[in-house]
Amino acid sequence: MDEATSALDNESEHLVSQSLERLAAGRTTLTIAHRLTTIRNADRILVLSGSNIIEEGNHEELIKKQGIYYQLYTSAGEAEQN
């Protein structure tokens, strides 16, 4: 899915995400997202720059690395609070 929730408000995004998690159970899914809350619960997150994978892991692992995913995640959080 490519940006399936980009135009949704937070409540609608949450409802869609819950439904997708149920439908995806036991299946491999690929989600492309700019809104990091969309992929926070993913088993594996790939951070791309151009055609290169520059980071990979789950949300907790990527936050601990404090790399580009961490920077994007904290920037997005700050933007949502303002």
N, C-alpha and C. Protein backbone atom coordinates (compact mmCIF):
# COMPACT_ATOMS: atom_id res chain seq x y z
N MET A 1 0.85 -1.17 0.00
CA MET A 1 0.00 0.00 0.00
C MET A 1 0.89 1.23 0.00
N ASP A 2 0.52 2.20 -0.75
CA ASP A 2 1.31 3.42 -0.85
C ASP A 2 0.51 4.58 -0.27
N GLU A 3 0.91 5.04 0.90
CA GLU A 3 0.30 6.20 1.56
C GLU A 3 -1.21 6.04 1.73
N ALA A 4 -1.62 4.87 2.19
CA ALA A 4 -3.05 4.55 2.31
C ALA A 4 -3.78 5.45 3.30
N THR A 5 -3.08 6.04 4.25
CA THR A 5 -3.76 6.84 5.27
C THR A 5 -3.34 8.31 5.24
N SER A 6 -2.66 8.74 4.20
CA SER A 6 -2.09 10.09 4.20
C SER A 6 -3.12 11.22 4.30
N ALA A 7 -4.33 11.01 3.81
CA ALA A 7 -5.33 12.07 3.83
C ALA A 7 -6.34 11.93 4.96
N LEU A 8 -6.09 11.01 5.88
CA LEU A 8 -7.05 10.75 6.95
C LEU A 8 -6.70 11.53 8.22
N ASP A 9 -7.74 11.84 9.01
CA ASP A 9 -7.49 12.41 10.33
C ASP A 9 -6.99 11.29 11.25
N ASN A 10 -6.50 11.63 12.43
CA ASN A 10 -5.88 10.65 13.32
C ASN A 10 -6.83 9.52 13.72
N GLU A 11 -8.09 9.85 14.01
CA GLU A 11 -9.05 8.82 14.42
C GLU A 11 -9.34 7.84 13.28
N SER A 12 -9.55 8.37 12.08
CA SER A 12 -9.81 7.50 10.93
C SER A 12 -8.59 6.65 10.60
N GLU A 13 -7.39 7.26 10.71
CA GLU A 13 -6.16 6.51 10.47
C GLU A 13 -6.06 5.34 11.43
N HIS A 14 -6.39 5.58 12.69
CA HIS A 14 -6.32 4.53 13.70
C HIS A 14 -7.27 3.38 13.36
N LEU A 15 -8.49 3.70 12.95
CA LEU A 15 -9.47 2.68 12.58
C LEU A 15 -9.01 1.87 11.37
N VAL A 16 -8.47 2.54 10.37
CA VAL A 16 -7.96 1.85 9.18
C VAL A 16 -6.78 0.97 9.56
N SER A 17 -5.88 1.48 10.38
CA SER A 17 -4.71 0.70 10.81
C SER A 17 -5.12 -0.56 11.56
N GLN A 18 -6.11 -0.45 12.44
CA GLN A 18 -6.59 -1.63 13.16
C GLN A 18 -7.16 -2.67 12.20
N SER A 19 -7.93 -2.23 11.23
CA SER A 19 -8.52 -3.14 10.25
C SER A 19 -7.44 -3.80 9.41
N LEU A 20 -6.45 -3.02 8.99
CA LEU A 20 -5.37 -3.58 8.18
C LEU A 20 -4.55 -4.59 8.96
N GLU A 21 -4.32 -4.34 10.25
CA GLU A 21 -3.58 -5.29 11.07
C GLU A 21 -4.32 -6.62 11.15
N ARG A 22 -5.64 -6.58 11.29
CA ARG A 22 -6.43 -7.82 11.32
C ARG A 22 -6.35 -8.55 9.98
N LEU A 23 -6.48 -7.81 8.88
CA LEU A 23 -6.43 -8.41 7.56
C LEU A 23 -5.05 -8.96 7.22
N ALA A 24 -4.00 -8.33 7.74
CA ALA A 24 -2.63 -8.71 7.41
C ALA A 24 -2.10 -9.85 8.27
N ALA A 25 -2.83 -10.22 9.30
CA ALA A 25 -2.36 -11.28 10.21
C ALA A 25 -1.99 -12.53 9.42
N GLY A 26 -0.75 -12.99 9.62
CA GLY A 26 -0.28 -14.19 8.94
C GLY A 26 0.14 -13.96 7.50
N ARG A 27 0.19 -12.71 7.07
CA ARG A 27 0.55 -12.39 5.69
C ARG A 27 1.70 -11.38 5.68
N THR A 28 2.39 -11.35 4.58
CA THR A 28 3.41 -10.33 4.37
C THR A 28 2.75 -9.14 3.68
N THR A 29 2.95 -7.96 4.24
CA THR A 29 2.42 -6.74 3.62
C THR A 29 3.54 -5.73 3.48
N LEU A 30 3.45 -4.90 2.48
CA LEU A 30 4.41 -3.83 2.26
C LEU A 30 3.64 -2.52 2.31
N THR A 31 4.06 -1.65 3.20
CA THR A 31 3.41 -0.35 3.37
C THR A 31 4.43 0.74 3.14
N ILE A 32 4.10 1.69 2.30
CA ILE A 32 4.95 2.86 2.06
C ILE A 32 4.31 4.02 2.80
N ALA A 33 5.08 4.70 3.65
CA ALA A 33 4.47 5.74 4.48
C ALA A 33 5.43 6.88 4.74
N HIS A 34 4.87 8.07 4.77
CA HIS A 34 5.61 9.23 5.27
C HIS A 34 5.20 9.50 6.70
N ARG A 35 3.96 9.20 7.04
CA ARG A 35 3.45 9.36 8.40
C ARG A 35 3.93 8.16 9.21
N LEU A 36 4.88 8.37 10.10
CA LEU A 36 5.53 7.26 10.79
C LEU A 36 4.61 6.51 11.74
N THR A 37 3.54 7.13 12.20
CA THR A 37 2.60 6.40 13.04
C THR A 37 1.96 5.24 12.28
N THR A 38 1.92 5.34 10.96
CA THR A 38 1.35 4.29 10.13
C THR A 38 2.15 3.00 10.24
N ILE A 39 3.45 3.10 10.44
CA ILE A 39 4.32 1.91 10.43
C ILE A 39 4.91 1.58 11.79
N ARG A 40 4.54 2.30 12.80
CA ARG A 40 5.14 2.12 14.12
C ARG A 40 5.08 0.67 14.62
N ASN A 41 4.00 -0.04 14.36
CA ASN A 41 3.84 -1.41 14.85
C ASN A 41 4.33 -2.47 13.87
N ALA A 42 4.99 -2.07 12.81
CA ALA A 42 5.49 -3.03 11.82
C ALA A 42 6.58 -3.92 12.43
N ASP A 43 6.63 -5.17 11.98
CA ASP A 43 7.67 -6.08 12.44
C ASP A 43 9.05 -5.63 11.97
N ARG A 44 9.09 -5.05 10.77
CA ARG A 44 10.36 -4.63 10.20
C ARG A 44 10.13 -3.35 9.40
N ILE A 45 10.97 -2.36 9.66
CA ILE A 45 10.88 -1.07 8.99
C ILE A 45 12.17 -0.86 8.21
N LEU A 46 12.03 -0.50 6.94
CA LEU A 46 13.19 -0.17 6.11
C LEU A 46 13.15 1.33 5.85
N VAL A 47 14.25 2.01 6.13
CA VAL A 47 14.35 3.44 5.86
C VAL A 47 15.16 3.58 4.58
N LEU A 48 14.56 4.22 3.57
CA LEU A 48 15.20 4.33 2.27
C LEU A 48 15.68 5.75 2.01
N SER A 49 16.79 5.83 1.30
CA SER A 49 17.27 7.09 0.76
C SER A 49 17.64 6.81 -0.68
N GLY A 50 16.90 7.38 -1.60
CA GLY A 50 17.09 7.01 -3.00
C GLY A 50 16.73 5.55 -3.17
N SER A 51 17.63 4.77 -3.70
CA SER A 51 17.37 3.34 -3.88
C SER A 51 18.11 2.50 -2.84
N ASN A 52 18.60 3.12 -1.78
CA ASN A 52 19.38 2.42 -0.77
C ASN A 52 18.64 2.29 0.56
N ILE A 53 18.77 1.13 1.19
CA ILE A 53 18.28 0.94 2.55
C ILE A 53 19.35 1.49 3.48
N ILE A 54 19.01 2.52 4.25
CA ILE A 54 20.02 3.13 5.13
C ILE A 54 19.86 2.72 6.59
N GLU A 55 18.66 2.23 6.95
CA GLU A 55 18.42 1.70 8.30
C GLU A 55 17.33 0.65 8.20
N GLU A 56 17.39 -0.32 9.12
CA GLU A 56 16.29 -1.28 9.21
C GLU A 56 16.20 -1.83 10.62
N GLY A 57 14.99 -2.20 10.98
CA GLY A 57 14.71 -2.75 12.31
C GLY A 57 13.27 -2.48 12.65
N ASN A 58 12.87 -2.81 13.87
CA ASN A 58 11.52 -2.43 14.30
C ASN A 58 11.59 -1.03 14.91
N HIS A 59 10.46 -0.50 15.31
CA HIS A 59 10.41 0.88 15.82
C HIS A 59 11.37 1.08 17.00
N GLU A 60 11.32 0.18 17.97
CA GLU A 60 12.15 0.33 19.16
C GLU A 60 13.64 0.30 18.81
N GLU A 61 14.03 -0.63 17.93
CA GLU A 61 15.44 -0.73 17.53
C GLU A 61 15.90 0.54 16.83
N LEU A 62 15.07 1.07 15.95
CA LEU A 62 15.45 2.26 15.20
C LEU A 62 15.50 3.50 16.10
N ILE A 63 14.63 3.58 17.08
CA ILE A 63 14.68 4.69 18.03
C ILE A 63 15.98 4.62 18.84
N LYS A 64 16.35 3.42 19.28
CA LYS A 64 17.58 3.26 20.07
C LYS A 64 18.83 3.64 19.28
N LYS A 65 18.83 3.40 17.96
CA LYS A 65 19.98 3.74 17.12
C LYS A 65 20.19 5.25 17.01
N GLN A 66 19.10 6.00 17.20
CA GLN A 66 19.13 7.47 17.09
C GLN A 66 19.72 7.95 15.76
N GLY A 67 19.34 7.26 14.70
CA GLY A 67 19.76 7.64 13.34
C GLY A 67 18.68 8.47 12.66
N ILE A 68 18.57 8.30 11.35
CA ILE A 68 17.64 9.11 10.56
C ILE A 68 16.18 8.84 10.94
N TYR A 69 15.82 7.57 11.21
CA TYR A 69 14.44 7.26 11.62
C TYR A 69 14.11 8.01 12.91
N TYR A 70 15.01 7.96 13.86
CA TYR A 70 14.82 8.68 15.13
C TYR A 70 14.62 10.17 14.88
N GLN A 71 15.46 10.74 14.02
CA GLN A 71 15.35 12.17 13.71
C GLN A 71 14.01 12.50 13.07
N LEU A 72 13.59 11.66 12.13
CA LEU A 72 12.29 11.88 11.48
C LEU A 72 11.14 11.72 12.46
N TYR A 73 11.23 10.70 13.31
CA TYR A 73 10.16 10.43 14.27
C TYR A 73 10.03 11.56 15.28
N THR A 74 11.15 12.02 15.82
CA THR A 74 11.08 13.10 16.81
C THR A 74 10.67 14.42 16.16
N SER A 75 11.10 14.66 14.94
CA SER A 75 10.67 15.87 14.22
C SER A 75 9.18 15.85 13.97
N ALA A 76 8.65 14.71 13.57
CA ALA A 76 7.21 14.57 13.31
C ALA A 76 6.43 14.78 14.60
N GLY A 77 6.93 14.26 15.69
CA GLY A 77 6.25 14.42 16.98
C GLY A 77 6.23 15.86 17.42
N GLU A 78 7.33 16.56 17.21
CA GLU A 78 7.39 17.97 17.57
C GLU A 78 6.44 18.77 16.69
N ALA A 79 6.36 18.43 15.42
CA ALA A 79 5.49 19.15 14.49
C ALA A 79 4.03 18.96 14.87
N GLU A 80 3.65 17.74 15.30
CA GLU A 80 2.27 17.46 15.66
C GLU A 80 1.87 18.19 16.94
N GLN A 81 2.84 18.43 17.83
CA GLN A 81 2.54 19.11 19.09
C GLN A 81 2.36 20.61 18.90
N ASN A 82 2.99 21.18 17.87
CA ASN A 82 2.91 22.63 17.63
C ASN A 82 1.70 23.00 16.83
